[in-house]
Amino acid sequence: MSDTAPSASIEEIRPEDVGAVAACIHTEATGAPPPDAALSRALEEHLRWVLADNPSNIAGVPWGWLLRSEDRAVVGAMVCVPMRVRCQDWSAVALMSAKWFVNVAYRGAGLGLFLRYLKLGRSYPLFATTAGAQSSPLWIKFGGYPISESDHELVGALRLGPLLEEAVHRKLRSRPLARGSGLAATLMPSGLRSARRAGAGVTIDRLTSADQAAAFERVGPEDVISAVRDRAYLHWRYFSGPQADTREVLACTMPSGRRALAVTTVATRGYRAQVRTLSVLDLWGNIAPDEHPALAGALARRAAGACDAVVLRSLSAQAHQSLLGSGFVRRAFPQPTTWCIDKAGLAPTRSWYLVPGDAE
């Protein structure tokens, strides 16, 4: 048997490739191809929304690159997502690396995808929001730096049973002990009580259109690089696409009068999907760090009994400290998930606010 790796060619992703690229990404991420046509269509629809509908698309920047085997099958891909960003008076287009998956037999050729992406760094800042254990070393090798506060998330427990069950299962790998611990913890009082009491004074209104969101006053921090939240971005990111009905866009007004735009979604976690989380996808406004617990408590009150935990990421260090002081706990990741490469020195600062997954 030959030890020579099979050959593959690199091509730019074209509109007609999106379905095959989506299927390849799913196969490499999960270890199995899409089981039916319905899921294949859903995966293609989602990826086409990310790529074709993106209002920041610009001429000369491809949707990404794919690897083709000698028999023309797609065996790897890396998606490139442009995003308009700004910091004070500076604005630019930054390019996000996303969904980089390569079949194990072609891993050597997969580096070529990243090198194509790196070439665009002469003209654009490069970033990723979901870098994993395999890709993080490459960001370091090619001069990348981790973006602060992206090596952990903050979890506020509302119902302790499902969370304790997950913790016991991760430590002991015993389903009976995990289930027993979770059932016992249902007798414990619910969490974030002080935050939920403070949240009683927060006004929350659901917004149902990008016009409403664009009209809502939302002055964010001026000293960080972040997405340009104009109407086009808000419509694309939060009010369109195949998963638009899973997100809520909320106008939040604090007792102080400060305001923030919050975007939330409900997701499940855990070894048997027993933990229901209210994940804050975006939080943009001028609320003070010490107001974050009250806002989190207001979101928890609004969720009532539908969630077991509130999860936030990527806020300022001061906001994180305030949340930790109100009962949230820090869940560390193996490595930072958000990185930037800016060897051309295009950006005015290394401080970013990138929401979880951002355009993914």
Protein backbone atom coordinates (compact mmCIF):
# COMPACT_ATOMS: atom_id res chain seq x y z
CA MET A 1 0.00 0.00 0.00
CA SER A 2 1.34 3.43 -0.91
CA ASP A 3 1.86 6.03 1.81
CA THR A 4 1.49 8.85 -0.70
CA ALA A 5 -1.43 11.14 0.12
CA PRO A 6 -4.08 11.38 -2.59
CA SER A 7 -3.91 14.49 -4.72
CA ALA A 8 -6.50 17.25 -4.62
CA SER A 9 -6.97 20.60 -6.32
CA ILE A 10 -8.04 23.90 -4.76
CA GLU A 11 -10.88 25.89 -6.31
CA GLU A 12 -12.89 28.94 -5.28
CA ILE A 13 -16.39 28.17 -4.04
CA ARG A 14 -18.97 29.04 -6.70
CA PRO A 15 -22.77 29.26 -6.33
CA GLU A 16 -23.22 25.80 -7.85
CA ASP A 17 -20.82 24.31 -5.29
CA VAL A 18 -22.72 25.37 -2.16
CA GLY A 19 -24.73 22.15 -1.78
CA ALA A 20 -21.68 19.90 -2.09
CA VAL A 21 -19.67 22.12 0.24
CA ALA A 22 -22.44 22.06 2.88
CA ALA A 23 -22.64 18.27 2.67
CA CYS A 24 -18.85 17.93 2.98
CA ILE A 25 -18.75 20.20 6.03
CA HIS A 26 -21.51 18.18 7.73
CA THR A 27 -19.81 14.88 6.91
CA GLU A 28 -16.43 15.94 8.28
CA ALA A 29 -17.92 17.66 11.34
CA THR A 30 -20.18 14.77 12.37
CA GLY A 31 -18.48 11.72 10.88
CA ALA A 32 -21.44 10.82 8.67
CA PRO A 33 -23.06 12.25 5.54
CA PRO A 34 -26.48 13.93 5.75
CA PRO A 35 -28.96 11.08 6.34
CA ASP A 36 -31.69 12.38 4.08
CA ALA A 37 -32.55 14.90 1.38
CA ALA A 38 -34.38 17.19 3.81
CA LEU A 39 -31.28 17.76 5.92
CA SER A 40 -29.14 18.21 2.79
CA ARG A 41 -31.50 20.96 1.61
CA ALA A 42 -31.49 22.61 5.03
CA LEU A 43 -27.68 22.61 5.19
CA GLU A 44 -27.44 24.09 1.72
CA GLU A 45 -30.04 26.73 2.50
CA HIS A 46 -28.17 27.81 5.63
CA LEU A 47 -24.80 28.03 3.88
CA ARG A 48 -26.30 29.88 0.92
CA TRP A 49 -27.77 32.41 3.37
CA VAL A 50 -24.35 32.92 4.96
CA LEU A 51 -22.62 33.38 1.61
CA ALA A 52 -25.01 34.65 -1.06
CA ASP A 53 -27.22 36.87 1.12
CA ASN A 54 -24.37 38.54 3.02
CA PRO A 55 -24.72 42.33 2.55
CA SER A 56 -20.96 42.79 3.03
CA ASN A 57 -19.99 40.77 -0.06
CA ILE A 58 -17.46 42.63 -2.20
CA ALA A 59 -16.01 42.01 -5.64
CA GLY A 60 -12.73 40.14 -5.65
CA VAL A 61 -13.27 38.26 -2.38
CA PRO A 62 -14.40 34.67 -2.96
CA TRP A 63 -16.90 32.82 -0.79
CA GLY A 64 -14.06 30.55 0.22
CA TRP A 65 -12.21 27.59 -1.24
CA LEU A 66 -12.82 23.89 -1.64
CA LEU A 67 -10.72 20.81 -2.21
CA ARG A 68 -11.61 18.46 -5.07
CA SER A 69 -10.33 14.93 -5.30
CA GLU A 70 -9.28 13.40 -8.59
CA ASP A 71 -12.83 12.10 -9.08
CA ARG A 72 -14.19 15.68 -8.55
CA ALA A 73 -15.69 15.03 -5.13
CA VAL A 74 -15.54 17.87 -2.57
CA VAL A 75 -13.27 16.59 0.22
CA GLY A 76 -12.63 19.82 2.11
CA ALA A 77 -13.67 23.44 2.34
CA MET A 78 -13.04 26.73 4.09
CA VAL A 79 -15.66 29.46 3.99
CA CYS A 80 -14.73 33.16 3.86
CA VAL A 81 -17.35 35.62 5.16
CA PRO A 82 -16.82 39.40 4.71
CA MET A 83 -18.10 41.68 7.45
CA ARG A 84 -18.15 45.46 7.63
CA VAL A 85 -16.57 46.61 10.90
CA ARG A 86 -15.80 49.92 12.54
CA CYS A 87 -14.08 51.47 15.53
CA GLN A 88 -14.67 55.18 16.14
CA ASP A 89 -13.86 56.87 12.80
CA TRP A 90 -12.17 53.81 11.27
CA SER A 91 -14.13 51.38 9.13
CA ALA A 92 -13.18 48.47 6.90
CA VAL A 93 -14.21 45.05 5.68
CA ALA A 94 -12.81 42.17 7.72
CA LEU A 95 -12.85 38.56 6.52
CA MET A 96 -14.02 35.75 8.76
CA SER A 97 -12.68 32.24 8.38
CA ALA A 98 -15.50 29.77 9.01
CA LYS A 99 -16.43 26.10 8.62
CA TRP A 100 -12.93 24.81 7.79
CA PHE A 101 -13.17 21.03 7.49
CA VAL A 102 -11.02 18.63 5.49
CA ASN A 103 -11.23 14.86 5.08
CA VAL A 104 -8.45 13.21 7.07
CA ALA A 105 -6.84 11.71 3.94
CA TYR A 106 -6.40 15.21 2.48
CA ARG A 107 -5.27 17.13 5.58
CA GLY A 108 -1.95 18.08 3.98
CA ALA A 109 -3.72 19.72 1.06
CA GLY A 110 -6.11 21.39 3.49
CA LEU A 111 -3.36 23.76 4.59
CA GLY A 112 -3.54 25.24 1.13
CA LEU A 113 -7.05 26.52 1.89
CA PHE A 114 -5.74 28.51 4.85
CA LEU A 115 -2.84 29.87 2.80
CA ARG A 116 -5.27 31.20 0.18
CA TYR A 117 -7.14 32.95 2.95
CA LEU A 118 -3.93 34.40 4.40
CA LYS A 119 -3.09 36.10 1.10
CA LEU A 120 -6.13 38.32 1.55
CA GLY A 121 -4.59 39.63 4.80
CA ARG A 122 -2.60 42.17 2.82
CA SER A 123 -5.83 44.10 2.25
CA TYR A 124 -8.22 42.95 4.98
CA PRO A 125 -8.04 42.11 8.70
CA LEU A 126 -8.66 38.38 9.16
CA PHE A 127 -10.57 36.84 12.05
CA ALA A 128 -12.29 33.69 13.27
CA THR A 129 -14.93 33.25 15.99
CA THR A 130 -15.06 29.47 16.25
CA ALA A 131 -11.43 28.33 16.05
CA GLY A 132 -10.91 24.84 17.48
CA ALA A 133 -8.02 22.78 18.75
CA GLN A 134 -6.73 21.98 15.26
CA SER A 135 -6.94 25.47 13.77
CA SER A 136 -5.76 27.56 16.75
CA PRO A 137 -2.08 26.55 16.33
CA LEU A 138 -2.21 27.81 12.75
CA TRP A 139 -3.48 31.20 13.85
CA ILE A 140 -0.54 31.39 16.24
CA LYS A 141 1.95 30.18 13.61
CA PHE A 142 0.92 32.87 11.15
CA GLY A 143 1.00 35.78 13.57
CA GLY A 144 -2.52 35.72 14.96
CA TYR A 145 -3.48 36.92 18.41
CA PRO A 146 -6.39 35.71 20.57
CA ILE A 147 -9.16 38.21 21.17
CA SER A 148 -9.71 38.85 24.87
CA GLU A 149 -12.52 37.18 26.81
CA SER A 150 -12.95 34.47 24.15
CA ASP A 151 -11.43 31.61 26.14
CA HIS A 152 -14.52 31.10 28.30
CA GLU A 153 -18.24 31.69 28.66
CA LEU A 154 -20.33 32.72 31.63
CA VAL A 155 -23.15 30.43 32.74
CA GLY A 156 -25.89 31.50 35.11
CA ALA A 157 -27.84 28.57 36.54
CA LEU A 158 -31.62 28.95 36.73
CA ARG A 159 -32.40 25.27 37.47
CA LEU A 160 -29.51 23.34 38.99
CA GLY A 161 -30.71 19.81 38.26
CA PRO A 162 -29.90 19.56 34.53
CA LEU A 163 -26.55 21.34 35.02
CA LEU A 164 -25.44 19.15 37.91
CA GLU A 165 -26.47 16.07 35.95
CA GLU A 166 -24.20 17.15 33.10
CA ALA A 167 -21.29 17.91 35.45
CA VAL A 168 -21.53 14.49 37.11
CA HIS A 169 -21.78 12.73 33.75
CA ARG A 170 -18.67 14.50 32.43
CA LYS A 171 -16.69 13.55 35.52
CA LEU A 172 -17.87 10.00 36.17
CA ARG A 173 -19.33 8.91 32.78
CA SER A 174 -22.17 7.20 34.61
CA ARG A 175 -25.70 7.80 33.39
CA PRO A 176 -27.42 6.41 36.52
CA LEU A 177 -25.33 8.56 38.89
CA ALA A 178 -25.79 11.60 36.67
CA ARG A 179 -29.56 11.18 36.51
CA GLY A 180 -29.76 10.62 40.25
CA SER A 181 -27.72 13.73 40.99
CA GLY A 182 -29.88 15.79 38.66
CA LEU A 183 -33.10 14.58 40.28
CA ALA A 184 -31.77 15.32 43.77
CA ALA A 185 -30.77 18.83 42.72
CA THR A 186 -34.34 19.65 41.69
CA LEU A 187 -35.01 20.15 45.42
CA MET A 188 -32.43 22.95 45.57
CA PRO A 189 -33.59 26.58 45.19
CA SER A 190 -33.37 28.16 41.75
CA GLY A 191 -30.35 30.31 40.95
CA LEU A 192 -29.71 33.97 40.05
CA ARG A 193 -32.32 35.09 42.56
CA SER A 194 -30.73 38.51 43.20
CA ALA A 195 -30.21 39.10 39.48
CA ARG A 196 -33.81 38.21 38.72
CA ARG A 197 -35.05 40.55 41.46
CA ALA A 198 -32.92 43.35 40.01
CA GLY A 199 -34.23 42.53 36.55
CA ALA A 200 -37.78 43.43 37.58
CA GLY A 201 -37.03 47.07 36.76
CA VAL A 202 -35.79 46.38 33.22
CA THR A 203 -38.18 46.98 30.33
CA ILE A 204 -37.91 44.51 27.43
CA ASP A 205 -39.76 44.79 24.13
CA ARG A 206 -39.49 42.33 21.28
CA LEU A 207 -38.61 43.82 17.88
CA THR A 208 -40.05 42.13 14.82
CA SER A 209 -38.28 43.85 11.93
CA ALA A 210 -34.92 45.24 10.92
CA ASP A 211 -36.54 48.68 10.59
CA GLN A 212 -37.51 48.59 14.26
CA ALA A 213 -34.04 47.39 15.27
CA ALA A 214 -32.30 50.03 13.15
CA ALA A 215 -34.48 52.76 14.66
CA PHE A 216 -33.76 51.65 18.23
CA GLU A 217 -31.12 53.84 19.86
CA ARG A 218 -28.15 51.57 20.48
CA VAL A 219 -24.94 53.47 21.10
CA GLY A 220 -22.24 50.89 21.73
CA PRO A 221 -18.66 51.16 23.00
CA GLU A 222 -16.46 53.30 20.77
CA ASP A 223 -13.12 51.69 21.65
CA VAL A 224 -13.73 48.23 20.15
CA ILE A 225 -13.90 46.84 16.63
CA SER A 226 -17.34 45.43 15.94
CA ALA A 227 -19.79 44.77 13.16
CA VAL A 228 -21.53 47.75 11.59
CA ARG A 229 -25.06 47.23 12.89
CA ASP A 230 -26.93 49.04 10.14
CA ARG A 231 -30.28 47.96 8.77
CA ALA A 232 -28.77 45.68 6.11
CA TYR A 233 -26.68 43.79 8.66
CA LEU A 234 -29.50 43.54 11.20
CA HIS A 235 -31.93 42.23 8.61
CA TRP A 236 -29.49 39.64 7.27
CA ARG A 237 -28.10 38.49 10.60
CA TYR A 238 -31.23 38.41 12.75
CA PHE A 239 -34.39 38.67 10.66
CA SER A 240 -33.60 36.52 7.62
CA GLY A 241 -32.27 33.07 6.89
CA PRO A 242 -33.54 29.59 7.67
CA GLN A 243 -33.11 30.00 11.46
CA ALA A 244 -34.61 33.48 11.83
CA ASP A 245 -37.56 32.15 13.83
CA THR A 246 -35.19 30.76 16.50
CA ARG A 247 -33.87 34.21 17.43
CA GLU A 248 -35.45 37.03 19.43
CA VAL A 249 -34.31 40.63 19.01
CA LEU A 250 -35.06 42.58 22.16
CA ALA A 251 -35.00 46.29 23.02
CA CYS A 252 -33.87 46.55 26.64
CA THR A 253 -34.14 49.70 28.76
CA MET A 254 -32.51 49.80 32.18
CA PRO A 255 -33.88 51.77 35.17
CA SER A 256 -31.01 54.23 34.58
CA GLY A 257 -32.32 54.94 31.08
CA ARG A 258 -29.39 53.22 29.39
CA ARG A 259 -30.39 50.93 26.54
CA ALA A 260 -29.14 47.84 24.77
CA LEU A 261 -30.13 45.64 21.87
CA ALA A 262 -30.06 41.98 22.92
CA VAL A 263 -30.42 38.97 20.63
CA THR A 264 -31.16 35.61 22.20
CA THR A 265 -31.80 32.04 21.13
CA VAL A 266 -32.75 28.88 22.98
CA ALA A 267 -30.50 25.86 22.49
CA THR A 268 -30.02 22.47 24.12
CA ARG A 269 -26.80 21.06 25.55
CA GLY A 270 -25.71 18.04 27.49
CA TYR A 271 -25.10 14.35 26.90
CA ARG A 272 -28.81 13.77 26.43
CA ALA A 273 -29.75 17.35 25.44
CA GLN A 274 -31.22 17.85 28.91
CA VAL A 275 -29.93 21.42 29.44
CA ARG A 276 -31.95 24.22 27.86
CA THR A 277 -29.88 27.39 27.54
CA LEU A 278 -30.89 30.95 26.79
CA SER A 279 -27.82 32.05 24.82
CA VAL A 280 -27.21 35.76 24.34
CA LEU A 281 -25.94 36.06 20.75
CA ASP A 282 -25.48 39.82 20.78
CA LEU A 283 -25.59 42.55 23.40
CA TRP A 284 -24.92 46.03 22.08
CA GLY A 285 -25.57 49.28 23.86
CA ASN A 286 -24.35 51.67 26.53
CA ILE A 287 -25.34 49.84 29.71
CA ALA A 288 -22.77 49.96 32.49
CA PRO A 289 -20.84 46.85 33.56
CA ASP A 290 -22.68 46.69 36.88
CA GLU A 291 -26.02 46.66 35.05
CA HIS A 292 -25.31 43.38 33.25
CA PRO A 293 -26.56 41.15 36.09
CA ALA A 294 -29.92 42.97 36.13
CA LEU A 295 -30.23 42.61 32.36
CA ALA A 296 -29.37 38.91 32.59
CA GLY A 297 -31.94 38.59 35.37
CA ALA A 298 -34.56 40.32 33.23
CA LEU A 299 -33.88 37.91 30.38
CA ALA A 300 -34.18 35.01 32.82
CA ARG A 301 -37.49 36.35 34.15
CA ARG A 302 -38.77 36.68 30.61
CA ALA A 303 -37.77 33.08 29.82
CA ALA A 304 -39.77 31.97 32.89
CA GLY A 305 -39.44 28.17 33.26
CA ALA A 306 -38.43 27.53 29.65
CA CYS A 307 -34.65 27.53 30.28
CA ASP A 308 -32.20 26.06 32.75
CA ALA A 309 -29.33 28.53 32.26
CA VAL A 310 -28.39 31.90 30.77
CA VAL A 311 -25.14 31.94 28.76
CA LEU A 312 -23.12 35.02 27.75
CA ARG A 313 -19.78 35.40 25.96
CA SER A 314 -17.28 37.94 24.71
CA LEU A 315 -18.32 40.96 26.80
CA SER A 316 -15.86 43.34 28.42
CA ALA A 317 -13.73 42.15 31.33
CA GLN A 318 -15.61 44.54 33.64
CA ALA A 319 -18.99 43.13 32.58
CA HIS A 320 -17.69 39.59 33.11
CA GLN A 321 -16.53 40.45 36.64
CA SER A 322 -19.91 41.94 37.46
CA LEU A 323 -21.70 38.81 36.26
CA LEU A 324 -19.35 36.55 38.22
CA GLY A 325 -20.16 38.56 41.33
CA SER A 326 -23.88 37.96 40.82
CA GLY A 327 -23.72 34.17 40.69
CA PHE A 328 -22.56 33.35 37.18
CA VAL A 329 -19.73 30.82 36.85
CA ARG A 330 -16.87 30.77 34.40
CA ARG A 331 -16.76 27.81 32.00
CA ALA A 332 -13.29 27.69 30.42
CA PHE A 333 -12.61 26.50 26.88
CA PRO A 334 -9.48 24.49 25.95
CA GLN A 335 -8.24 27.49 23.96
CA PRO A 336 -9.53 30.88 22.78
CA THR A 337 -12.15 30.56 20.05
CA THR A 338 -11.74 34.05 18.55
CA TRP A 339 -8.56 35.13 16.76
CA CYS A 340 -7.30 37.91 14.51
CA ILE A 341 -4.46 38.15 12.02
CA ASP A 342 -3.56 41.71 11.05
CA LYS A 343 0.06 41.58 9.95
CA ALA A 344 -0.52 44.59 7.67
CA GLY A 345 -1.50 46.70 10.68
CA LEU A 346 -4.82 47.75 9.19
CA ALA A 347 -6.87 47.87 12.40
CA PRO A 348 -6.50 50.68 14.98
CA THR A 349 -6.76 48.39 18.03
CA ARG A 350 -6.64 44.79 19.18
CA SER A 351 -9.87 45.15 21.13
CA TRP A 352 -12.82 43.46 19.42
CA TYR A 353 -16.38 42.61 20.30
CA LEU A 354 -17.42 39.63 18.18
CA VAL A 355 -20.62 37.87 19.12
CA PRO A 356 -20.65 34.07 19.47
CA GLY A 357 -20.40 32.51 16.06
CA ASP A 358 -21.16 35.92 14.53
CA ALA A 359 -22.18 35.22 10.94
CA GLU A 360 -22.02 31.46 11.33
